[in-house]
PDB file of N, CA and C in Angstrom:
ATOM      1  N   MET A   1    -212.922 -78.354-170.590  1.00  0.00           N
ATOM      2  CA  MET A   1    -214.265 -78.689-170.977  1.00  0.00           C
ATOM      3  C   MET A   1    -214.269 -79.036-172.467  1.00  0.00           C
ATOM      4  N   ASN A   2    -214.844 -80.140-172.831  1.00  0.00           N
ATOM      5  CA  ASN A   2    -214.891 -80.582-174.216  1.00  0.00           C
ATOM      6  C   ASN A   2    -216.289 -80.332-174.773  1.00  0.00           C
ATOM      7  N   PHE A   3    -216.389 -79.340-175.654  1.00  0.00           N
ATOM      8  CA  PHE A   3    -217.687 -78.997-176.243  1.00  0.00           C
ATOM      9  C   PHE A   3    -217.949 -79.765-177.526  1.00  0.00           C
ATOM     10  N   HIS A   4    -216.912 -80.314-178.094  1.00  0.00           N
ATOM     11  CA  HIS A   4    -217.037 -80.997-179.382  1.00  0.00           C
ATOM     12  C   HIS A   4    -216.871 -82.494-179.169  1.00  0.00           C
ATOM     13  N   LYS A   5    -217.842 -83.240-179.588  1.00  0.00           N
ATOM     14  CA  LYS A   5    -217.776 -84.688-179.458  1.00  0.00           C
ATOM     15  C   LYS A   5    -217.890 -85.310-180.837  1.00  0.00           C
ATOM     16  N   GLY A   6    -216.980 -86.197-181.142  1.00  0.00           N
ATOM     17  CA  GLY A   6    -217.027 -86.891-182.420  1.00  0.00           C
ATOM     18  C   GLY A   6    -216.470 -86.043-183.544  1.00  0.00           C
ATOM     19  N   ASP A   7    -216.717 -86.479-184.757  1.00  0.00           N
ATOM     20  CA  ASP A   7    -216.198 -85.807-185.937  1.00  0.00           C
ATOM     21  C   ASP A   7    -217.250 -84.967-186.633  1.00  0.00           C
ATOM     22  N   ASN A   8    -218.355 -84.677-185.961  1.00  0.00           N
ATOM     23  CA  ASN A   8    -219.407 -83.872-186.576  1.00  0.00           C
ATOM     24  C   ASN A   8    -218.965 -82.423-186.700  1.00  0.00           C
ATOM     25  N   ASN A   9    -219.443 -81.778-187.714  1.00  0.00           N
ATOM     26  CA  ASN A   9    -219.194 -80.344-187.875  1.00  0.00           C
ATOM     27  C   ASN A   9    -220.428 -79.600-187.392  1.00  0.00           C
ATOM     28  N   TYR A  10    -220.291 -78.926-186.299  1.00  0.00           N
ATOM     29  CA  TYR A  10    -221.405 -78.195-185.728  1.00  0.00           C
ATOM     30  C   TYR A  10    -221.343 -76.740-186.172  1.00  0.00           C
ATOM     31  N   GLY A  11    -222.488 -76.186-186.519  1.00  0.00           N
ATOM     32  CA  GLY A  11    -222.557 -74.771-186.854  1.00  0.00           C
ATOM     33  C   GLY A  11    -222.664 -73.943-185.584  1.00  0.00           C
ATOM     34  N   ALA A  12    -222.595 -72.648-185.742  1.00  0.00           N
ATOM     35  CA  ALA A  12    -222.647 -71.729-184.606  1.00  0.00           C
ATOM     36  C   ALA A  12    -223.856 -71.933-183.702  1.00  0.00           C
ATOM     37  N   PRO A  13    -225.051 -72.215-184.236  1.00  0.00           N
ATOM     38  CA  PRO A  13    -226.212 -72.389-183.344  1.00  0.00           C
ATOM     39  C   PRO A  13    -226.031 -73.493-182.299  1.00  0.00           C
ATOM     40  N   ALA A  14    -225.223 -74.499-182.593  1.00  0.00           N
ATOM     41  CA  ALA A  14    -225.005 -75.585-181.640  1.00  0.00           C
ATOM     42  C   ALA A  14    -224.300 -75.107-180.378  1.00  0.00           C
ATOM     43  N   TYR A  15    -223.631 -73.960-180.464  1.00  0.00           N
ATOM     44  CA  TYR A  15    -222.878 -73.439-179.324  1.00  0.00           C
ATOM     45  C   TYR A  15    -223.546 -72.225-178.684  1.00  0.00           C
ATOM     46  N   SER A  16    -224.711 -71.871-179.136  1.00  0.00           N
ATOM     47  CA  SER A  16    -225.350 -70.643-178.657  1.00  0.00           C
ATOM     48  C   SER A  16    -225.627 -70.664-177.155  1.00  0.00           C
ATOM     49  N   HIS A  17    -225.817 -71.835-176.590  1.00  0.00           N
ATOM     50  CA  HIS A  17    -226.070 -71.915-175.152  1.00  0.00           C
ATOM     51  C   HIS A  17    -224.819 -71.628-174.316  1.00  0.00           C
ATOM     52  N   LEU A  18    -223.670 -71.519-174.952  1.00  0.00           N
ATOM     53  CA  LEU A  18    -222.406 -71.292-174.244  1.00  0.00           C
ATOM     54  C   LEU A  18    -221.988 -69.825-174.199  1.00  0.00           C
ATOM     55  N   THR A  19    -222.744 -68.955-174.847  1.00  0.00           N
ATOM     56  CA  THR A  19    -222.338 -67.553-174.910  1.00  0.00           C
ATOM     57  C   THR A  19    -223.550 -66.639-175.013  1.00  0.00           C
ATOM     58  N   ASN A  20    -223.303 -65.381-174.728  1.00  0.00           N
ATOM     59  CA  ASN A  20    -224.344 -64.383-174.950  1.00  0.00           C
ATOM     60  C   ASN A  20    -223.886 -63.362-175.999  1.00  0.00           C
ATOM     61  N   LEU A  21    -222.791 -63.663-176.671  1.00  0.00           N
ATOM     62  CA  LEU A  21    -222.262 -62.789-177.711  1.00  0.00           C
ATOM     63  C   LEU A  21    -223.111 -62.895-178.973  1.00  0.00           C
ATOM     64  N   VAL A  22    -223.514 -61.765-179.488  1.00  0.00           N
ATOM     65  CA  VAL A  22    -224.274 -61.719-180.729  1.00  0.00           C
ATOM     66  C   VAL A  22    -223.591 -60.707-181.639  1.00  0.00           C
ATOM     67  N   LEU A  23    -223.306 -61.120-182.867  1.00  0.00           N
ATOM     68  CA  LEU A  23    -222.671 -60.238-183.845  1.00  0.00           C
ATOM     69  C   LEU A  23    -223.604 -60.033-185.025  1.00  0.00           C
ATOM     70  N   SER A  24    -223.610 -58.829-185.530  1.00  0.00           N
ATOM     71  CA  SER A  24    -224.381 -58.552-186.743  1.00  0.00           C
ATOM     72  C   SER A  24    -223.636 -59.135-187.941  1.00  0.00           C
ATOM     73  N   ASN A  25    -224.325 -59.288-189.058  1.00  0.00           N
ATOM     74  CA  ASN A  25    -223.669 -59.763-190.277  1.00  0.00           C
ATOM     75  C   ASN A  25    -222.543 -58.836-190.685  1.00  0.00           C
ATOM     76  N   SER A  26    -222.722 -57.553-190.494  1.00  0.00           N
ATOM     77  CA  SER A  26    -221.685 -56.579-190.825  1.00  0.00           C
ATOM     78  C   SER A  26    -220.440 -56.803-189.963  1.00  0.00           C
ATOM     79  N   GLU A  27    -220.630 -57.043-188.681  1.00  0.00           N
ATOM     80  CA  GLU A  27    -219.491 -57.304-187.788  1.00  0.00           C
ATOM     81  C   GLU A  27    -218.798 -58.613-188.157  1.00  0.00           C
ATOM     82  N   ILE A  28    -219.585 -59.622-188.476  1.00  0.00           N
ATOM     83  CA  ILE A  28    -219.020 -60.909-188.880  1.00  0.00           C
ATOM     84  C   ILE A  28    -218.178 -60.736-190.145  1.00  0.00           C
ATOM     85  N   ASN A  29    -218.735 -60.039-191.132  1.00  0.00           N
ATOM     86  CA  ASN A  29    -218.008 -59.814-192.387  1.00  0.00           C
ATOM     87  C   ASN A  29    -216.741 -59.008-192.163  1.00  0.00           C
ATOM     88  N   ASN A  30    -216.791 -58.026-191.292  1.00  0.00           N
ATOM     89  CA  ASN A  30    -215.622 -57.216-190.987  1.00  0.00           C
ATOM     90  C   ASN A  30    -214.522 -58.067-190.339  1.00  0.00           C
ATOM     91  N   LEU A  31    -214.897 -58.900-189.391  1.00  0.00           N
ATOM     92  CA  LEU A  31    -213.920 -59.783-188.747  1.00  0.00           C
ATOM     93  C   LEU A  31    -213.329 -60.770-189.747  1.00  0.00           C
ATOM     94  N   PHE A  32    -214.178 -61.323-190.610  1.00  0.00           N
ATOM     95  CA  PHE A  32    -213.677 -62.232-191.639  1.00  0.00           C
ATOM     96  C   PHE A  32    -212.679 -61.516-192.546  1.00  0.00           C
ATOM     97  N   ASP A  33    -213.036 -60.326-193.016  1.00  0.00           N
ATOM     98  CA  ASP A  33    -212.148 -59.564-193.902  1.00  0.00           C
ATOM     99  C   ASP A  33    -210.805 -59.298-193.243  1.00  0.00           C
ATOM    100  N   GLN A  34    -210.824 -58.947-191.957  1.00  0.00           N
ATOM    101  CA  GLN A  34    -209.572 -58.707-191.229  1.00  0.00           C
ATOM    102  C   GLN A  34    -208.717 -59.969-191.187  1.00  0.00           C
ATOM    103  N   ASP A  35    -209.338 -61.093-190.843  1.00  0.00           N
ATOM    104  CA  ASP A  35    -208.603 -62.356-190.767  1.00  0.00           C
ATOM    105  C   ASP A  35    -208.097 -62.796-192.141  1.00  0.00           C
ATOM    106  N   PHE A  36    -208.926 -62.615-193.166  1.00  0.00           N
ATOM    107  CA  PHE A  36    -208.531 -63.017-194.510  1.00  0.00           C
ATOM    108  C   PHE A  36    -207.363 -62.166-195.008  1.00  0.00           C
ATOM    109  N   ASN A  37    -207.443 -60.857-194.812  1.00  0.00           N
ATOM    110  CA  ASN A  37    -206.345 -59.973-195.231  1.00  0.00           C
ATOM    111  C   ASN A  37    -205.074 -60.263-194.452  1.00  0.00           C
ATOM    112  N   LYS A  38    -205.215 -60.622-193.184  1.00  0.00           N
ATOM    113  CA  LYS A  38    -204.057 -61.009-192.383  1.00  0.00           C
ATOM    114  C   LYS A  38    -203.415 -62.260-192.972  1.00  0.00           C
ATOM    115  N   ALA A  39    -204.228 -63.236-193.382  1.00  0.00           N
ATOM    116  CA  ALA A  39    -203.707 -64.463-193.982  1.00  0.00           C
ATOM    117  C   ALA A  39    -202.967 -64.172-195.285  1.00  0.00           C
ATOM    118  N   ILE A  40    -203.483 -63.260-196.086  1.00  0.00           N
ATOM    119  CA  ILE A  40    -202.813 -62.875-197.333  1.00  0.00           C
ATOM    120  C   ILE A  40    -201.459 -62.247-197.029  1.00  0.00           C
ATOM    121  N   ASN A  41    -201.435 -61.292-196.113  1.00  0.00           N
ATOM    122  CA  ASN A  41    -200.181 -60.605-195.763  1.00  0.00           C
ATOM    123  C   ASN A  41    -199.164 -61.559-195.161  1.00  0.00           C
ATOM    124  N   GLN A  42    -199.617 -62.474-194.296  1.00  0.00           N
ATOM    125  CA  GLN A  42    -198.709 -63.446-193.697  1.00  0.00           C
ATOM    126  C   GLN A  42    -198.161 -64.402-194.750  1.00  0.00           C
ATOM    127  N   SER A  43    -198.990 -64.781-195.704  1.00  0.00           N
ATOM    128  CA  SER A  43    -198.559 -65.681-196.774  1.00  0.00           C
ATOM    129  C   SER A  43    -197.438 -65.039-197.585  1.00  0.00           C
ATOM    130  N   ALA A  44    -197.656 -63.807-197.997  1.00  0.00           N
ATOM    131  CA  ALA A  44    -196.644 -63.095-198.792  1.00  0.00           C
ATOM    132  C   ALA A  44    -195.373 -62.902-197.990  1.00  0.00           C
ATOM    133  N   SER A  45    -195.513 -62.610-196.715  1.00  0.00           N
ATOM    134  CA  SER A  45    -194.352 -62.394-195.860  1.00  0.00           C
ATOM    135  C   SER A  45    -193.539 -63.673-195.667  1.00  0.00           C
ATOM    136  N   LEU A  46    -194.220 -64.778-195.429  1.00  0.00           N
ATOM    137  CA  LEU A  46    -193.511 -66.033-195.195  1.00  0.00           C
ATOM    138  C   LEU A  46    -192.741 -66.488-196.422  1.00  0.00           C
ATOM    139  N   LEU A  47    -193.354 -66.396-197.580  1.00  0.00           N
ATOM    140  CA  LEU A  47    -192.699 -66.860-198.808  1.00  0.00           C
ATOM    141  C   LEU A  47    -191.739 -65.831-199.395  1.00  0.00           C
ATOM    142  N   GLY A  48    -191.915 -64.590-199.024  1.00  0.00           N
ATOM    143  CA  GLY A  48    -191.127 -63.508-199.606  1.00  0.00           C
ATOM    144  C   GLY A  48    -191.891 -62.870-200.748  1.00  0.00           C
ATOM    145  N   GLN A  49    -191.817 -61.571-200.836  1.00  0.00           N
ATOM    146  CA  GLN A  49    -192.601 -60.838-201.826  1.00  0.00           C
ATOM    147  C   GLN A  49    -192.261 -61.235-203.257  1.00  0.00           C
ATOM    148  N   LYS A  50    -190.994 -61.502-203.526  1.00  0.00           N
ATOM    149  CA  LYS A  50    -190.594 -61.887-204.886  1.00  0.00           C
ATOM    150  C   LYS A  50    -191.272 -63.200-205.295  1.00  0.00           C
ATOM    151  N   THR A  51    -191.251 -64.189-204.414  1.00  0.00           N
ATOM    152  CA  THR A  51    -191.914 -65.465-204.687  1.00  0.00           C
ATOM    153  C   THR A  51    -193.415 -65.258-204.827  1.00  0.00           C
ATOM    154  N   TRP A  52    -193.986 -64.503-203.896  1.00  0.00           N
ATOM    155  CA  TRP A  52    -195.437 -64.266-203.900  1.00  0.00           C
ATOM    156  C   TRP A  52    -195.886 -63.615-205.208  1.00  0.00           C
ATOM    157  N   ASN A  53    -195.132 -62.642-205.668  1.00  0.00           N
ATOM    158  CA  ASN A  53    -195.517 -61.909-206.878  1.00  0.00           C
ATOM    159  C   ASN A  53    -195.507 -62.783-208.128  1.00  0.00           C
ATOM    160  N   ARG A  54    -194.687 -63.805-208.172  1.00  0.00           N
ATOM    161  CA  ARG A  54    -194.620 -64.649-209.367  1.00  0.00           C
ATOM    162  C   ARG A  54    -195.493 -65.893-209.278  1.00  0.00           C
ATOM    163  N   MET A  55    -196.126 -66.113-208.141  1.00  0.00           N
ATOM    164  CA  MET A  55    -196.987 -67.295-207.988  1.00  0.00           C
ATOM    165  C   MET A  55    -198.272 -67.151-208.796  1.00  0.00           C
ATOM    166  N   PRO A  56    -198.693 -68.217-209.464  1.00  0.00           N
ATOM    167  CA  PRO A  56    -200.015 -68.199-210.106  1.00  0.00           C
ATOM    168  C   PRO A  56    -201.104 -68.044-209.044  1.00  0.00           C
ATOM    169  N   GLN A  57    -202.230 -67.458-209.439  1.00  0.00           N
ATOM    170  CA  GLN A  57    -203.306 -67.204-208.488  1.00  0.00           C
ATOM    171  C   GLN A  57    -203.804 -68.481-207.813  1.00  0.00           C
ATOM    172  N   SER A  58    -203.854 -69.586-208.553  1.00  0.00           N
ATOM    173  CA  SER A  58    -204.353 -70.816-207.936  1.00  0.00           C
ATOM    174  C   SER A  58    -203.444 -71.284-206.799  1.00  0.00           C
ATOM    175  N   ALA A  59    -202.140 -71.123-206.944  1.00  0.00           N
ATOM    176  CA  ALA A  59    -201.218 -71.481-205.859  1.00  0.00           C
ATOM    177  C   ALA A  59    -201.407 -70.541-204.667  1.00  0.00           C
ATOM    178  N   LYS A  60    -201.633 -69.266-204.947  1.00  0.00           N
ATOM    179  CA  LYS A  60    -201.925 -68.316-203.864  1.00  0.00           C
ATOM    180  C   LYS A  60    -203.205 -68.714-203.140  1.00  0.00           C
ATOM    181  N   ASN A  61    -204.216 -69.127-203.902  1.00  0.00           N
ATOM    182  CA  ASN A  61    -205.484 -69.538-203.296  1.00  0.00           C
ATOM    183  C   ASN A  61    -205.270 -70.669-202.295  1.00  0.00           C
ATOM    184  N   ALA A  62    -204.505 -71.671-202.694  1.00  0.00           N
ATOM    185  CA  ALA A  62    -204.244 -72.812-201.807  1.00  0.00           C
ATOM    186  C   ALA A  62    -203.466 -72.371-200.579  1.00  0.00           C
ATOM    187  N   TYR A  63    -202.460 -71.558-200.791  1.00  0.00           N
ATOM    188  CA  TYR A  63    -201.603 -71.139-199.678  1.00  0.00           C
ATOM    189  C   TYR A  63    -202.378 -70.280-198.680  1.00  0.00           C
ATOM    190  N   ILE A  64    -203.160 -69.354-199.185  1.00  0.00           N
ATOM    191  CA  ILE A  64    -203.979 -68.514-198.300  1.00  0.00           C
ATOM    192  C   ILE A  64    -204.960 -69.379-197.523  1.00  0.00           C
ATOM    193  N   ASP A  65    -205.570 -70.343-198.191  1.00  0.00           N
ATOM    194  CA  ASP A  65    -206.498 -71.243-197.513  1.00  0.00           C
ATOM    195  C   ASP A  65    -205.810 -71.946-196.349  1.00  0.00           C
ATOM    196  N   MET A  66    -204.614 -72.422-196.575  1.00  0.00           N
ATOM    197  CA  MET A  66    -203.885 -73.118-195.517  1.00  0.00           C
ATOM    198  C   MET A  66    -203.558 -72.180-194.366  1.00  0.00           C
ATOM    199  N   VAL A  67    -203.043 -70.997-194.668  1.00  0.00           N
ATOM    200  CA  VAL A  67    -202.692 -70.040-193.616  1.00  0.00           C
ATOM    201  C   VAL A  67    -203.931 -69.615-192.846  1.00  0.00           C
ATOM    202  N   PHE A  68    -205.006 -69.359-193.550  1.00  0.00           N
ATOM    203  CA  PHE A  68    -206.250 -68.932-192.901  1.00  0.00           C
ATOM    204  C   PHE A  68    -206.786 -70.012-191.962  1.00  0.00           C
ATOM    205  N   ASN A  69    -206.717 -71.269-192.402  1.00  0.00           N
ATOM    206  CA  ASN A  69    -207.350 -72.345-191.650  1.00  0.00           C
ATOM    207  C   ASN A  69    -206.475 -73.012-190.592  1.00  0.00           C
ATOM    208  N   ILE A  70    -205.175 -73.105-190.811  1.00  0.00           N
ATOM    209  CA  ILE A  70    -204.337 -73.766-189.810  1.00  0.00           C
ATOM    210  C   ILE A  70    -203.303 -72.839-189.184  1.00  0.00           C
ATOM    211  N   GLY A  71    -203.172 -71.640-189.716  1.00  0.00           N
ATOM    212  CA  GLY A  71    -202.282 -70.656-189.113  1.00  0.00           C
ATOM    213  C   GLY A  71    -200.897 -70.630-189.729  1.00  0.00           C
ATOM    214  N   ILE A  72    -200.299 -69.470-189.637  1.00  0.00           N
ATOM    215  CA  ILE A  72    -198.976 -69.251-190.228  1.00  0.00           C
ATOM    216  C   ILE A  72    -197.913 -70.115-189.565  1.00  0.00           C
ATOM    217  N   GLY A  73    -198.054 -70.378-188.272  1.00  0.00           N
ATOM    218  CA  GLY A  73    -197.080 -71.208-187.568  1.00  0.00           C
ATOM    219  C   GLY A  73    -197.008 -72.613-188.129  1.00  0.00           C
ATOM    220  N   ARG A  74    -198.167 -73.215-188.334  1.00  0.00           N
ATOM    221  CA  ARG A  74    -198.182 -74.572-188.892  1.00  0.00           C
ATOM    222  C   ARG A  74    -197.731 -74.583-190.345  1.00  0.00           C
ATOM    223  N   VAL A  75    -198.161 -73.604-191.123  1.00  0.00           N
ATOM    224  CA  VAL A  75    -197.760 -73.572-192.533  1.00  0.00           C
ATOM    225  C   VAL A  75    -196.253 -73.356-192.655  1.00  0.00           C
ATOM    226  N   SER A  76    -195.685 -72.574-191.758  1.00  0.00           N
ATOM    227  CA  SER A  76    -194.230 -72.353-191.811  1.00  0.00           C
ATOM    228  C   SER A  76    -193.462 -73.644-191.538  1.00  0.00           C
ATOM    229  N   SER A  77    -194.108 -74.623-190.889  1.00  0.00           N
ATOM    230  CA  SER A  77    -193.438 -75.895-190.619  1.00  0.00           C
ATOM    231  C   SER A  77    -193.485 -76.849-191.819  1.00  0.00           C
ATOM    232  N   TYR A  78    -194.188 -76.477-192.875  1.00  0.00           N
ATOM    233  CA  TYR A  78    -194.242 -77.277-194.095  1.00  0.00           C
ATOM    234  C   TYR A  78    -193.033 -76.924-194.972  1.00  0.00           C
ATOM    235  N   GLY A  79    -191.852 -77.257-194.470  1.00  0.00           N
ATOM    236  CA  GLY A  79    -190.609 -76.856-195.132  1.00  0.00           C
ATOM    237  C   GLY A  79    -190.478 -77.324-196.562  1.00  0.00           C
ATOM    238  N   ASP A  80    -190.821 -78.579-196.826  1.00  0.00           N
ATOM    239  CA  ASP A  80    -190.691 -79.109-198.193  1.00  0.00           C
ATOM    240  C   ASP A  80    -191.662 -78.419-199.142  1.00  0.00           C
ATOM    241  N   MET A  81    -192.869 -78.139-198.670  1.00  0.00           N
ATOM    242  CA  MET A  81    -193.846 -77.443-199.508  1.00  0.00           C
ATOM    243  C   MET A  81    -193.374 -76.021-199.800  1.00  0.00           C
ATOM    244  N   ASN A  82    -192.928 -75.323-198.765  1.00  0.00           N
ATOM    245  CA  ASN A  82    -192.477 -73.944-198.958  1.00  0.00           C
ATOM    246  C   ASN A  82    -191.262 -73.873-199.880  1.00  0.00           C
ATOM    247  N   LYS A  83    -190.353 -74.826-199.745  1.00  0.00           N
ATOM    248  CA  LYS A  83    -189.189 -74.886-200.627  1.00  0.00           C
ATOM    249  C   LYS A  83    -189.639 -75.105-202.071  1.00  0.00           C
ATOM    250  N   ALA A  84    -190.574 -76.030-202.274  1.00  0.00           N
ATOM    251  CA  ALA A  84    -191.075 -76.309-203.620  1.00  0.00           C
ATOM    252  C   ALA A  84    -191.728 -75.075-204.229  1.00  0.00           C
ATOM    253  N   ILE A  85    -192.484 -74.344-203.432  1.00  0.00           N
ATOM    254  CA  ILE A  85    -193.131 -73.125-203.939  1.00  0.00           C
ATOM    255  C   ILE A  85    -192.077 -72.106-204.340  1.00  0.00           C
ATOM    256  N   ARG A  86    -191.074 -71.917-203.514  1.00  0.00           N
ATOM    257  CA  ARG A  86    -190.007 -70.944-203.836  1.00  0.00           C
ATOM    258  C   ARG A  86    -189.275 -71.331-205.118  1.00  0.00           C
ATOM    259  N   GLU A  87    -189.219 -72.633-205.396  1.00  0.00           N
ATOM    260  CA  GLU A  87    -188.572 -73.128-206.620  1.00  0.00           C
ATOM    261  C   GLU A  87    -189.529 -73.174-207.805  1.00  0.00           C
ATOM    262  N   GLY A  88    -190.809 -72.851-207.576  1.00  0.00           N
ATOM    263  CA  GLY A  88    -191.794 -72.901-208.644  1.00  0.00           C
ATOM    264  C   GLY A  88    -192.239 -74.304-208.994  1.00  0.00           C
ATOM    265  N   ASN A  89    -192.002 -75.260-208.109  1.00  0.00           N
ATOM    266  CA  ASN A  89    -192.357 -76.660-208.334  1.00  0.00           C
ATOM    267  C   ASN A  89    -193.706 -76.923-207.668  1.00  0.00           C
ATOM    268  N   TYR A  90    -194.776 -76.614-208.375  1.00  0.00           N
ATOM    269  CA  TYR A  90    -196.109 -76.707-207.795  1.00  0.00           C
ATOM    270  C   TYR A  90    -196.635 -78.132-207.719  1.00  0.00           C
ATOM    271  N   VAL A  91    -196.091 -79.047-208.507  1.00  0.00           N
ATOM    272  CA  VAL A  91    -196.453 -80.456-208.374  1.00  0.00           C
ATOM    273  C   VAL A  91    -195.970 -80.961-207.013  1.00  0.00           C
ATOM    274  N   GLU A  92    -194.735 -80.653-206.683  1.00  0.00           N
ATOM    275  CA  GLU A  92    -194.203 -81.050-205.375  1.00  0.00           C
ATOM    276  C   GLU A  92    -194.939 -80.334-204.246  1.00  0.00           C
ATOM    277  N   ALA A  93    -195.258 -79.069-204.439  1.00  0.00           N
ATOM    278  CA  ALA A  93    -196.014 -78.328-203.423  1.00  0.00           C
ATOM    279  C   ALA A  93    -197.356 -79.015-203.176  1.00  0.00           C
ATOM    280  N   ALA A  94    -198.008 -79.451-204.249  1.00  0.00           N
ATOM    281  CA  ALA A  94    -199.288 -80.145-204.114  1.00  0.00           C
ATOM    282  C   ALA A  94    -199.124 -81.419-203.296  1.00  0.00           C
ATOM    283  N   GLN A  95    -198.073 -82.152-203.578  1.00  0.00           N
ATOM    284  CA  GLN A  95    -197.840 -83.410-202.870  1.00  0.00           C
ATOM    285  C   GLN A  95    -197.506 -83.191-201.393  1.00  0.00           C
ATOM    286  N   GLN A  96    -196.954 -82.048-201.071  1.00  0.00           N
ATOM    287  CA  GLN A  96    -196.555 -81.750-199.692  1.00  0.00           C
ATOM    288  C   GLN A  96    -197.621 -80.975-198.914  1.00  0.00           C
ATOM    289  N   SER A  97    -198.739 -80.668-199.540  1.00  0.00           N
ATOM    290  CA  SER A  97    -199.720 -79.759-198.933  1.00  0.00           C
ATOM    291  C   SER A  97    -200.763 -80.438-198.048  1.00  0.00           C
ATOM    292  N   HIS A  98    -200.675 -81.738-197.873  1.00  0.00           N
ATOM    293  CA  HIS A  98    -201.683 -82.459-197.083  1.00  0.00           C
ATOM    294  C   HIS A  98    -201.690 -81.972-195.628  1.00  0.00           C
ATOM    295  N   ILE A  99    -202.864 -81.622-195.140  1.00  0.00           N
ATOM    296  CA  ILE A  99    -203.028 -81.165-193.766  1.00  0.00           C
ATOM    297  C   ILE A  99    -203.625 -82.313-192.954  1.00  0.00           C
ATOM    298  N   MET A 100    -202.914 -82.737-191.934  1.00  0.00           N
ATOM    299  CA  MET A 100    -203.423 -83.783-191.056  1.00  0.00           C
ATOM    300  C   MET A 100    -204.647 -83.269-190.307  1.00  0.00           C
ATOM    301  N   HIS A 101    -205.585 -84.149-190.051  1.00  0.00           N
ATOM    302  CA  HIS A 101    -206.788 -83.843-189.271  1.00  0.00           C
ATOM    303  C   HIS A 101    -207.650 -82.767-189.934  1.00  0.00           C
ATOM    304  N   THR A 102    -207.640 -82.752-191.246  1.00  0.00           N
ATOM    305  CA  THR A 102    -208.482 -81.843-192.021  1.00  0.00           C
ATOM    306  C   THR A 102    -209.300 -82.687-192.986  1.00  0.00           C
ATOM    307  N   ASP A 103    -210.481 -82.209-193.297  1.00  0.00           N
ATOM    308  CA  ASP A 103    -211.343 -83.013-194.153  1.00  0.00           C
ATOM    309  C   ASP A 103    -210.756 -83.195-195.548  1.00  0.00           C
ATOM    310  N   ARG A 104    -211.154 -84.281-196.167  1.00  0.00           N
ATOM    311  CA  ARG A 104    -210.646 -84.683-197.479  1.00  0.00           C
ATOM    312  C   ARG A 104    -210.869 -83.599-198.537  1.00  0.00           C
ATOM    313  N   ASP A 105    -212.032 -82.949-198.514  1.00  0.00           N
ATOM    314  CA  ASP A 105    -212.349 -81.944-199.525  1.00  0.00           C
ATOM    315  C   ASP A 105    -211.402 -80.748-199.467  1.00  0.00           C
ATOM    316  N   ARG A 106    -211.043 -80.336-198.259  1.00  0.00           N
ATOM    317  CA  ARG A 106    -210.122 -79.193-198.136  1.00  0.00           C
ATOM    318  C   ARG A 106    -208.748 -79.576-198.685  1.00  0.00           C
ATOM    319  N   ASN A 107    -208.261 -80.749-198.334  1.00  0.00           N
ATOM    320  CA  ASN A 107    -206.971 -81.203-198.856  1.00  0.00           C
ATOM    321  C   ASN A 107    -207.004 -81.336-200.372  1.00  0.00           C
ATOM    322  N   LEU A 108    -208.090 -81.868-200.894  1.00  0.00           N
ATOM    323  CA  LEU A 108    -208.217 -82.029-202.341  1.00  0.00           C
ATOM    324  C   LEU A 108    -208.262 -80.670-203.039  1.00  0.00           C
ATOM    325  N   TYR A 109    -208.970 -79.716-202.446  1.00  0.00           N
ATOM    326  CA  TYR A 109    -209.024 -78.365-203.013  1.00  0.00           C
ATOM    327  C   TYR A 109    -207.609 -77.787-203.121  1.00  0.00           C
ATOM    328  N   ASN A 110    -206.847 -77.835-202.037  1.00  0.00           N
ATOM    329  CA  ASN A 110    -205.499 -77.265-202.057  1.00  0.00           C
ATOM    330  C   ASN A 110    -204.596 -78.003-203.035  1.00  0.00           C
ATOM    331  N   TYR A 111    -204.683 -79.320-203.036  1.00  0.00           N
ATOM    332  CA  TYR A 111    -203.903 -80.120-203.977  1.00  0.00           C
ATOM    333  C   TYR A 111    -204.217 -79.688-205.414  1.00  0.00           C
ATOM    334  N   ASN A 112    -205.484 -79.608-205.747  1.00  0.00           N
ATOM    335  CA  ASN A 112    -205.890 -79.237-207.111  1.00  0.00           C
ATOM    336  C   ASN A 112    -205.472 -77.815-207.469  1.00  0.00           C
ATOM    337  N   GLN A 113    -205.521 -76.916-206.504  1.00  0.00           N
ATOM    338  CA  GLN A 113    -205.091 -75.530-206.772  1.00  0.00           C
ATOM    339  C   GLN A 113    -203.588 -75.494-207.097  1.00  0.00           C
ATOM    340  N   PHE A 114    -202.794 -76.229-206.351  1.00  0.00           N
ATOM    341  CA  PHE A 114    -201.350 -76.278-206.655  1.00  0.00           C
ATOM    342  C   PHE A 114    -201.098 -76.960-207.996  1.00  0.00           C
ATOM    343  N   MET A 115    -201.844 -78.017-208.287  1.00  0.00           N
ATOM    344  CA  MET A 115    -201.669 -78.705-209.569  1.00  0.00           C
ATOM    345  C   MET A 115    -202.053 -77.797-210.735  1.00  0.00           C
ATOM    346  N   ALA A 116    -203.088 -76.986-210.568  1.00  0.00           N
ATOM    347  CA  ALA A 116    -203.470 -76.035-211.614  1.00  0.00           C
ATOM    348  C   ALA A 116    -202.353 -75.032-211.870  1.00  0.00           C
ATOM    349  N   ALA A 117    -201.634 -74.675-210.821  1.00  0.00           N
ATOM    350  CA  ALA A 117    -200.507 -73.736-210.978  1.00  0.00           C
ATOM    351  C   ALA A 117    -199.357 -74.354-211.750  1.00  0.00           C
ATOM    352  N   ALA A 118    -199.285 -75.678-211.747  1.00  0.00           N
ATOM    353  CA  ALA A 118    -198.195 -76.377-212.428  1.00  0.00           C
ATOM    354  C   ALA A 118    -198.391 -76.432-213.932  1.00  0.00           C
ATOM    355  N   LYS A 119    -199.580 -76.131-214.404  1.00  0.00           N
ATOM    356  CA  LYS A 119    -199.876 -76.236-215.841  1.00  0.00           C
ATOM    357  C   LYS A 119    -199.438 -75.015-216.598  1.00  0.00           C
TER     358      LYS A 119
END
């Protein structure tokens, strides 16, 4: 069943007719926190703690964003980007960070975060 048509970004209310699940703001925030912390831990694990500890915060921001949004499996397949990060080459990491089928603003955010780490 295809619930999404076109390239529009639909908010949760557009799907309300498909479910009877209702979450409180507290439950939503708790689930977000769990997923976000999982993305942080997976990021550090994939790159290695030594690499993670020496990364500038802006590079961490970009990497966490990628892991959170496309998953650790897909990010682990970005071999050239991960190699560049381990080498501290954030310009190359920025150039390799493009996510296919993701909006321009998200890609630009990650690119700029890696470029900020290069300064």
